[in-house]
């Protein structure tokens, strides 16, 4: 078949129409992907923000708990110092009444006099610090 100018024009129009439709389809798919990616990125940002809010709330809760525990330790330490003073006073009174031999065994059993076995020791400022089972027992009382 011999192509005439009119046949060539129709074929040319058809192929250009086809390529225009293909390009439009390609552009639509590209736009849908972009939109899908935007929505996915938005969901991802929302998840990260929610995670961040949860972590901030947890950090605040832990800070409060730490503060409460420190206050409890301070209360217990204060009570411990008070009881040690009272114990020391009682020991002196017993020593005056019954002599140093009568309280010698008690002084040897006194937790504050034992060092090196992890029960108690003094820090640089001379304050007694509790370790091991004593601290744990005191800590458990205030939980």
N, C-alpha and C. Protein backbone atom coordinates (compact mmCIF):
# COMPACT_ATOMS: atom_id res chain seq x y z
N UNK A 1 0.82 -1.17 0.00
CA UNK A 1 0.00 0.00 0.00
C UNK A 1 0.88 1.24 0.00
N UNK A 2 0.51 2.13 -0.74
CA UNK A 2 1.27 3.36 -0.87
C UNK A 2 0.70 4.37 0.13
N UNK A 3 1.61 4.92 0.86
CA UNK A 3 1.14 5.90 1.85
C UNK A 3 1.06 7.27 1.22
N UNK A 4 -0.01 7.85 1.50
CA UNK A 4 -0.20 9.21 1.01
C UNK A 4 0.04 10.15 2.17
N UNK A 5 0.03 11.40 1.85
CA UNK A 5 0.25 12.39 2.89
C UNK A 5 -0.84 12.30 3.96
N UNK A 6 -2.06 11.99 3.55
CA UNK A 6 -3.13 11.94 4.54
C UNK A 6 -2.97 10.72 5.43
N UNK A 7 -2.54 9.56 4.90
CA UNK A 7 -2.31 8.37 5.72
C UNK A 7 -1.16 8.61 6.70
N UNK A 8 -0.15 9.22 6.28
CA UNK A 8 1.02 9.49 7.11
C UNK A 8 0.63 10.43 8.26
N UNK A 9 -0.18 11.37 7.97
CA UNK A 9 -0.63 12.31 9.00
C UNK A 9 -1.45 11.64 10.07
N UNK A 10 -2.31 10.69 9.67
CA UNK A 10 -3.14 9.97 10.64
C UNK A 10 -2.26 9.09 11.52
N UNK A 11 -1.32 8.37 10.90
CA UNK A 11 -0.41 7.51 11.66
C UNK A 11 0.44 8.33 12.61
N UNK A 12 0.89 9.43 12.13
CA UNK A 12 1.71 10.30 12.96
C UNK A 12 0.89 10.85 14.12
N UNK A 13 -0.35 11.26 13.85
CA UNK A 13 -1.23 11.75 14.92
C UNK A 13 -1.52 10.65 15.93
N UNK A 14 -1.75 9.44 15.45
CA UNK A 14 -2.05 8.30 16.32
C UNK A 14 -0.87 8.00 17.25
N UNK A 15 0.33 7.97 16.69
CA UNK A 15 1.50 7.66 17.52
C UNK A 15 1.79 8.79 18.51
N UNK A 16 1.58 10.02 18.11
CA UNK A 16 1.80 11.12 19.05
C UNK A 16 0.72 11.11 20.13
N UNK A 17 -0.52 10.74 19.77
CA UNK A 17 -1.59 10.63 20.75
C UNK A 17 -1.26 9.52 21.73
N UNK A 18 -0.75 8.39 21.19
CA UNK A 18 -0.34 7.27 22.05
C UNK A 18 0.75 7.70 23.03
N UNK A 19 1.74 8.40 22.54
CA UNK A 19 2.84 8.82 23.41
C UNK A 19 2.37 9.85 24.43
N UNK A 20 1.42 10.69 24.07
CA UNK A 20 0.87 11.68 25.00
C UNK A 20 0.11 10.96 26.11
N UNK A 21 -0.70 9.96 25.71
CA UNK A 21 -1.45 9.17 26.69
C UNK A 21 -0.50 8.41 27.61
N UNK A 22 0.55 7.82 27.05
CA UNK A 22 1.53 7.09 27.85
C UNK A 22 2.23 8.04 28.83
N UNK A 23 2.57 9.22 28.36
CA UNK A 23 3.23 10.20 29.23
C UNK A 23 2.28 10.63 30.35
N UNK A 24 1.02 10.88 30.02
CA UNK A 24 0.03 11.26 31.03
C UNK A 24 -0.14 10.15 32.06
N UNK A 25 -0.20 8.92 31.58
CA UNK A 25 -0.32 7.78 32.49
C UNK A 25 0.90 7.69 33.41
N UNK A 26 2.05 7.87 32.79
CA UNK A 26 3.31 7.85 33.56
C UNK A 26 3.31 8.97 34.61
N UNK A 27 2.88 10.16 34.20
CA UNK A 27 2.82 11.30 35.12
C UNK A 27 1.84 11.04 36.27
N UNK A 28 0.70 10.41 35.92
CA UNK A 28 -0.28 10.09 36.97
C UNK A 28 0.28 9.09 37.97
N UNK A 29 0.95 8.05 37.46
CA UNK A 29 1.56 7.07 38.36
C UNK A 29 2.62 7.73 39.24
N UNK A 30 3.40 8.60 38.60
CA UNK A 30 4.45 9.32 39.33
C UNK A 30 3.83 10.18 40.43
N UNK A 31 2.74 10.87 40.12
CA UNK A 31 2.05 11.72 41.09
C UNK A 31 1.46 10.89 42.23
N UNK A 32 0.87 9.71 41.89
CA UNK A 32 0.33 8.83 42.92
C UNK A 32 1.44 8.34 43.86
N UNK A 33 2.60 7.99 43.29
CA UNK A 33 3.74 7.57 44.12
C UNK A 33 4.19 8.69 45.04
N UNK A 34 4.27 9.90 44.48
CA UNK A 34 4.67 11.05 45.30
C UNK A 34 3.70 11.24 46.46
N UNK A 35 2.41 11.18 46.15
CA UNK A 35 1.39 11.36 47.18
C UNK A 35 1.49 10.25 48.23
N UNK A 36 1.67 9.02 47.75
CA UNK A 36 1.81 7.89 48.68
C UNK A 36 3.04 8.07 49.56
N UNK A 37 4.13 8.53 48.98
CA UNK A 37 5.36 8.78 49.75
C UNK A 37 5.14 9.90 50.78
N UNK A 38 4.41 10.94 50.39
CA UNK A 38 4.13 12.04 51.34
C UNK A 38 3.34 11.51 52.53
N UNK A 39 2.31 10.71 52.25
CA UNK A 39 1.48 10.16 53.32
C UNK A 39 2.29 9.23 54.22
N UNK A 40 3.14 8.43 53.61
CA UNK A 40 3.99 7.52 54.39
C UNK A 40 4.95 8.31 55.27
N UNK A 41 5.53 9.37 54.71
CA UNK A 41 6.46 10.21 55.48
C UNK A 41 5.71 10.88 56.64
N UNK A 42 4.47 11.31 56.38
CA UNK A 42 3.68 11.96 57.43
C UNK A 42 3.39 10.97 58.56
N UNK A 43 3.01 9.72 58.20
CA UNK A 43 2.76 8.70 59.22
C UNK A 43 4.04 8.42 60.02
N UNK A 44 5.15 8.38 59.32
CA UNK A 44 6.44 8.12 59.99
C UNK A 44 6.77 9.25 60.97
N UNK A 45 6.54 10.50 60.55
CA UNK A 45 6.79 11.64 61.47
C UNK A 45 5.89 11.56 62.69
N UNK A 46 4.62 11.21 62.45
CA UNK A 46 3.67 11.09 63.57
C UNK A 46 4.12 10.01 64.55
N UNK A 47 4.57 8.87 64.01
CA UNK A 47 5.06 7.78 64.89
C UNK A 47 6.25 8.25 65.70
N UNK A 48 7.19 8.94 65.05
CA UNK A 48 8.38 9.43 65.76
C UNK A 48 8.00 10.43 66.85
N UNK A 49 7.06 11.35 66.53
CA UNK A 49 6.62 12.33 67.53
C UNK A 49 5.96 11.63 68.71
N UNK A 50 5.13 10.64 68.44
CA UNK A 50 4.46 9.89 69.52
C UNK A 50 5.50 9.17 70.37
N UNK A 51 6.46 8.55 69.72
CA UNK A 51 7.54 7.86 70.45
C UNK A 51 8.31 8.86 71.32
N UNK A 52 8.57 10.03 70.77
CA UNK A 52 9.28 11.07 71.52
C UNK A 52 8.46 11.51 72.73
N UNK A 53 7.14 11.70 72.54
CA UNK A 53 6.28 12.09 73.67
C UNK A 53 6.29 11.01 74.75
N UNK A 54 6.23 9.75 74.33
CA UNK A 54 6.25 8.65 75.30
C UNK A 54 7.57 8.62 76.07
N UNK A 55 8.67 8.80 75.35
CA UNK A 55 9.98 8.80 76.01
C UNK A 55 10.12 9.98 76.97
N UNK A 56 9.60 11.15 76.60
CA UNK A 56 9.66 12.31 77.48
C UNK A 56 8.84 12.05 78.75
N UNK A 57 7.66 11.46 78.58
CA UNK A 57 6.82 11.15 79.75
C UNK A 57 7.53 10.14 80.65
N UNK A 58 8.15 9.14 80.04
CA UNK A 58 8.87 8.14 80.83
C UNK A 58 10.05 8.77 81.57
N UNK A 59 10.76 9.67 80.88
CA UNK A 59 11.89 10.36 81.52
C UNK A 59 11.41 11.18 82.71
N UNK A 60 10.26 11.86 82.55
CA UNK A 60 9.71 12.64 83.66
C UNK A 60 9.32 11.73 84.82
N UNK A 61 8.69 10.60 84.51
CA UNK A 61 8.31 9.65 85.56
C UNK A 61 9.54 9.13 86.29
N UNK A 62 10.58 8.80 85.53
CA UNK A 62 11.81 8.28 86.15
C UNK A 62 12.50 9.36 86.99
N UNK A 63 12.45 10.60 86.53
CA UNK A 63 13.04 11.70 87.31
C UNK A 63 12.29 11.86 88.64
N UNK A 64 10.95 11.78 88.58
CA UNK A 64 10.16 11.86 89.82
C UNK A 64 10.49 10.70 90.74
N UNK A 65 10.58 9.51 90.17
CA UNK A 65 10.90 8.33 90.98
C UNK A 65 12.27 8.48 91.62
N UNK A 66 13.23 8.95 90.85
CA UNK A 66 14.58 9.17 91.37
C UNK A 66 14.55 10.17 92.52
N UNK A 67 13.79 11.24 92.33
CA UNK A 67 13.67 12.25 93.38
C UNK A 67 13.04 11.66 94.64
N UNK A 68 11.98 10.88 94.46
CA UNK A 68 11.33 10.25 95.62
C UNK A 68 12.27 9.27 96.32
N UNK A 69 13.03 8.51 95.54
CA UNK A 69 13.97 7.56 96.14
C UNK A 69 15.07 8.29 96.91
N UNK A 70 15.56 9.38 96.32
CA UNK A 70 16.60 10.16 97.02
C UNK A 70 16.05 10.73 98.32
N UNK A 71 14.82 11.23 98.27
CA UNK A 71 14.20 11.76 99.49
C UNK A 71 14.05 10.64 100.53
N UNK A 72 13.66 9.45 100.07
CA UNK A 72 13.53 8.31 100.98
C UNK A 72 14.87 7.94 101.60
N UNK A 73 15.89 7.92 100.78
CA UNK A 73 17.23 7.60 101.29
C UNK A 73 17.68 8.65 102.30
N UNK A 74 17.37 9.92 102.01
CA UNK A 74 17.74 10.99 102.96
C UNK A 74 17.00 10.80 104.28
N UNK A 75 15.71 10.47 104.21
CA UNK A 75 14.92 10.23 105.44
C UNK A 75 15.51 9.08 106.24
N UNK A 76 15.82 8.01 105.54
CA UNK A 76 16.36 6.82 106.21
C UNK A 76 17.74 7.12 106.79
N UNK A 77 18.55 7.84 106.05
CA UNK A 77 19.88 8.20 106.56
C UNK A 77 19.77 9.05 107.81
N UNK A 78 18.84 10.00 107.78
CA UNK A 78 18.63 10.87 108.94
C UNK A 78 18.18 10.04 110.15
N UNK A 79 17.23 9.14 109.91
CA UNK A 79 16.73 8.26 110.98
C UNK A 79 17.86 7.38 111.50
N UNK A 80 18.68 6.89 110.60
CA UNK A 80 19.81 6.03 110.98
C UNK A 80 20.80 6.81 111.87
N UNK A 81 21.12 8.04 111.47
CA UNK A 81 22.03 8.86 112.29
C UNK A 81 21.44 9.10 113.68
N UNK A 82 20.12 9.38 113.69
CA UNK A 82 19.44 9.62 114.96
C UNK A 82 19.52 8.38 115.85
N UNK A 83 19.25 7.22 115.28
CA UNK A 83 19.29 5.97 116.05
C UNK A 83 20.71 5.65 116.51
N UNK A 84 21.68 5.96 115.69
CA UNK A 84 23.08 5.71 116.10
C UNK A 84 23.46 6.61 117.28
N UNK A 85 23.02 7.87 117.23
CA UNK A 85 23.28 8.77 118.35
C UNK A 85 22.62 8.23 119.62
N UNK A 86 21.36 7.82 119.45
CA UNK A 86 20.62 7.27 120.59
C UNK A 86 21.31 6.01 121.12
N UNK A 87 21.76 5.16 120.22
CA UNK A 87 22.45 3.93 120.61
C UNK A 87 23.75 4.26 121.35
N UNK A 88 24.46 5.23 120.83
CA UNK A 88 25.72 5.64 121.46
C UNK A 88 25.46 6.16 122.87
N UNK A 89 24.42 6.94 123.02
CA UNK A 89 24.05 7.48 124.33
C UNK A 89 23.69 6.35 125.30
N UNK A 90 22.91 5.38 124.80
CA UNK A 90 22.52 4.24 125.65
C UNK A 90 23.76 3.43 126.03
N UNK A 91 24.65 3.23 125.09
CA UNK A 91 25.88 2.47 125.37
C UNK A 91 26.72 3.18 126.44
N UNK A 92 26.80 4.51 126.34
CA UNK A 92 27.56 5.26 127.35
C UNK A 92 26.90 5.11 128.73
N UNK A 93 25.56 5.18 128.71
CA UNK A 93 24.83 5.02 129.98
C UNK A 93 25.07 3.64 130.57
N UNK A 94 25.03 2.60 129.74
CA UNK A 94 25.29 1.24 130.23
C UNK A 94 26.71 1.10 130.73
N UNK A 95 27.62 1.74 130.02
CA UNK A 95 29.03 1.67 130.42
C UNK A 95 29.22 2.33 131.79
N UNK A 96 28.55 3.45 132.02
CA UNK A 96 28.64 4.12 133.32
C UNK A 96 28.04 3.25 134.42
N UNK A 97 26.89 2.62 134.11
CA UNK A 97 26.20 1.81 135.13
C UNK A 97 26.93 0.50 135.42
N UNK A 98 27.38 -0.19 134.37
CA UNK A 98 27.90 -1.55 134.56
C UNK A 98 29.37 -1.71 134.22
N UNK A 99 30.02 -0.66 133.75
CA UNK A 99 31.43 -0.74 133.43
C UNK A 99 31.68 -1.10 131.97
N UNK A 100 32.92 -0.85 131.52
CA UNK A 100 33.26 -1.06 130.11
C UNK A 100 33.19 -2.53 129.68
N UNK A 101 33.44 -3.45 130.61
CA UNK A 101 33.40 -4.87 130.25
C UNK A 101 31.98 -5.33 129.91
N UNK A 102 31.00 -4.71 130.51
CA UNK A 102 29.60 -5.12 130.31
C UNK A 102 29.11 -4.79 128.90
N UNK A 103 29.66 -3.76 128.29
CA UNK A 103 29.20 -3.38 126.95
C UNK A 103 30.22 -3.72 125.87
N UNK A 104 31.31 -4.33 126.22
CA UNK A 104 32.35 -4.69 125.25
C UNK A 104 31.82 -5.60 124.16
N UNK A 105 31.04 -6.62 124.54
CA UNK A 105 30.47 -7.54 123.55
C UNK A 105 29.48 -6.82 122.64
N UNK A 106 28.70 -5.92 123.23
CA UNK A 106 27.72 -5.17 122.42
C UNK A 106 28.41 -4.28 121.39
N UNK A 107 29.50 -3.65 121.79
CA UNK A 107 30.23 -2.79 120.85
C UNK A 107 30.82 -3.60 119.71
N UNK A 108 31.26 -4.82 120.00
CA UNK A 108 31.83 -5.67 118.94
C UNK A 108 30.76 -6.07 117.93
N UNK A 109 29.50 -6.19 118.37
CA UNK A 109 28.40 -6.58 117.49
C UNK A 109 27.77 -5.39 116.77
N UNK A 110 28.12 -4.20 117.16
CA UNK A 110 27.53 -3.00 116.58
C UNK A 110 27.85 -2.92 115.08
N UNK A 111 26.83 -2.79 114.21
CA UNK A 111 27.06 -2.76 112.76
C UNK A 111 28.00 -1.66 112.33
N UNK A 112 27.98 -0.51 112.98
CA UNK A 112 28.85 0.59 112.60
C UNK A 112 30.31 0.31 112.87
N UNK A 113 30.62 -0.63 113.79
CA UNK A 113 32.01 -0.91 114.12
C UNK A 113 32.62 -1.93 113.18
N UNK A 114 31.80 -2.60 112.39
CA UNK A 114 32.30 -3.63 111.47
C UNK A 114 32.66 -2.96 110.16
N UNK A 115 33.89 -3.20 109.70
CA UNK A 115 34.31 -2.65 108.41
C UNK A 115 34.98 -3.74 107.61
N UNK A 116 34.98 -3.55 106.30
CA UNK A 116 35.68 -4.50 105.45
C UNK A 116 34.83 -5.66 105.00
N UNK A 117 33.63 -5.87 105.54
CA UNK A 117 32.82 -6.99 105.08
C UNK A 117 31.63 -6.53 104.25
N UNK A 118 31.64 -5.25 103.83
CA UNK A 118 30.59 -4.77 102.95
C UNK A 118 29.34 -4.32 103.66
N UNK A 119 29.35 -4.20 104.98
CA UNK A 119 28.13 -3.80 105.67
C UNK A 119 28.06 -2.30 105.86
N UNK A 120 29.12 -1.69 106.37
CA UNK A 120 29.10 -0.24 106.52
C UNK A 120 30.53 0.27 106.54
N UNK A 121 30.66 1.56 106.24
CA UNK A 121 31.97 2.22 106.27
C UNK A 121 31.73 3.71 106.35
N UNK A 122 32.78 4.47 106.56
CA UNK A 122 32.65 5.92 106.61
C UNK A 122 33.19 6.52 105.33
N UNK A 123 32.52 7.60 104.88
CA UNK A 123 33.02 8.28 103.69
C UNK A 123 34.03 9.34 104.11
N UNK A 124 34.50 10.16 103.15
CA UNK A 124 35.54 11.15 103.42
C UNK A 124 35.13 12.15 104.49
N UNK A 125 33.83 12.48 104.55
CA UNK A 125 33.37 13.48 105.51
C UNK A 125 33.08 12.89 106.88
N UNK A 126 33.31 11.58 107.05
CA UNK A 126 33.09 10.94 108.33
C UNK A 126 31.68 10.42 108.51
N UNK A 127 30.81 10.67 107.54
CA UNK A 127 29.45 10.15 107.63
C UNK A 127 29.46 8.67 107.29
N UNK A 128 28.72 7.92 108.05
CA UNK A 128 28.69 6.49 107.81
C UNK A 128 27.79 6.20 106.61
N UNK A 129 28.25 5.34 105.74
CA UNK A 129 27.46 4.94 104.58
C UNK A 129 27.16 3.46 104.71
N UNK A 130 25.94 3.10 104.39
CA UNK A 130 25.53 1.71 104.49
C UNK A 130 25.67 1.03 103.13
N UNK A 131 26.02 -0.24 103.16
CA UNK A 131 26.17 -1.02 101.94
C UNK A 131 25.49 -2.36 102.13
N UNK A 132 25.37 -3.08 101.05
CA UNK A 132 24.91 -4.46 101.11
C UNK A 132 23.54 -4.62 101.71
N UNK A 133 23.39 -5.62 102.59
CA UNK A 133 22.06 -5.98 103.10
C UNK A 133 21.38 -4.88 103.91
N UNK A 134 22.15 -4.06 104.65
CA UNK A 134 21.53 -3.00 105.44
C UNK A 134 20.84 -1.98 104.54
N UNK A 135 21.55 -1.51 103.54
CA UNK A 135 20.98 -0.52 102.63
C UNK A 135 19.79 -1.11 101.90
N UNK A 136 19.90 -2.34 101.45
CA UNK A 136 18.80 -2.98 100.73
C UNK A 136 17.55 -3.10 101.62
N UNK A 137 17.75 -3.51 102.88
CA UNK A 137 16.62 -3.65 103.79
C UNK A 137 15.96 -2.30 104.04
N UNK A 138 16.75 -1.27 104.22
CA UNK A 138 16.20 0.06 104.45
C UNK A 138 15.48 0.55 103.21
N UNK A 139 16.08 0.33 102.07
CA UNK A 139 15.49 0.73 100.79
C UNK A 139 14.14 0.04 100.59
N UNK A 140 14.07 -1.23 100.88
CA UNK A 140 12.82 -2.00 100.68
C UNK A 140 11.71 -1.52 101.60
N UNK A 141 12.05 -0.98 102.76
CA UNK A 141 11.03 -0.52 103.69
C UNK A 141 10.26 0.65 103.12
N UNK A 142 10.87 1.45 102.23
CA UNK A 142 10.24 2.67 101.74
C UNK A 142 9.70 2.53 100.33
N UNK A 143 9.66 1.36 99.80
CA UNK A 143 9.11 1.18 98.44
C UNK A 143 7.62 0.95 98.53
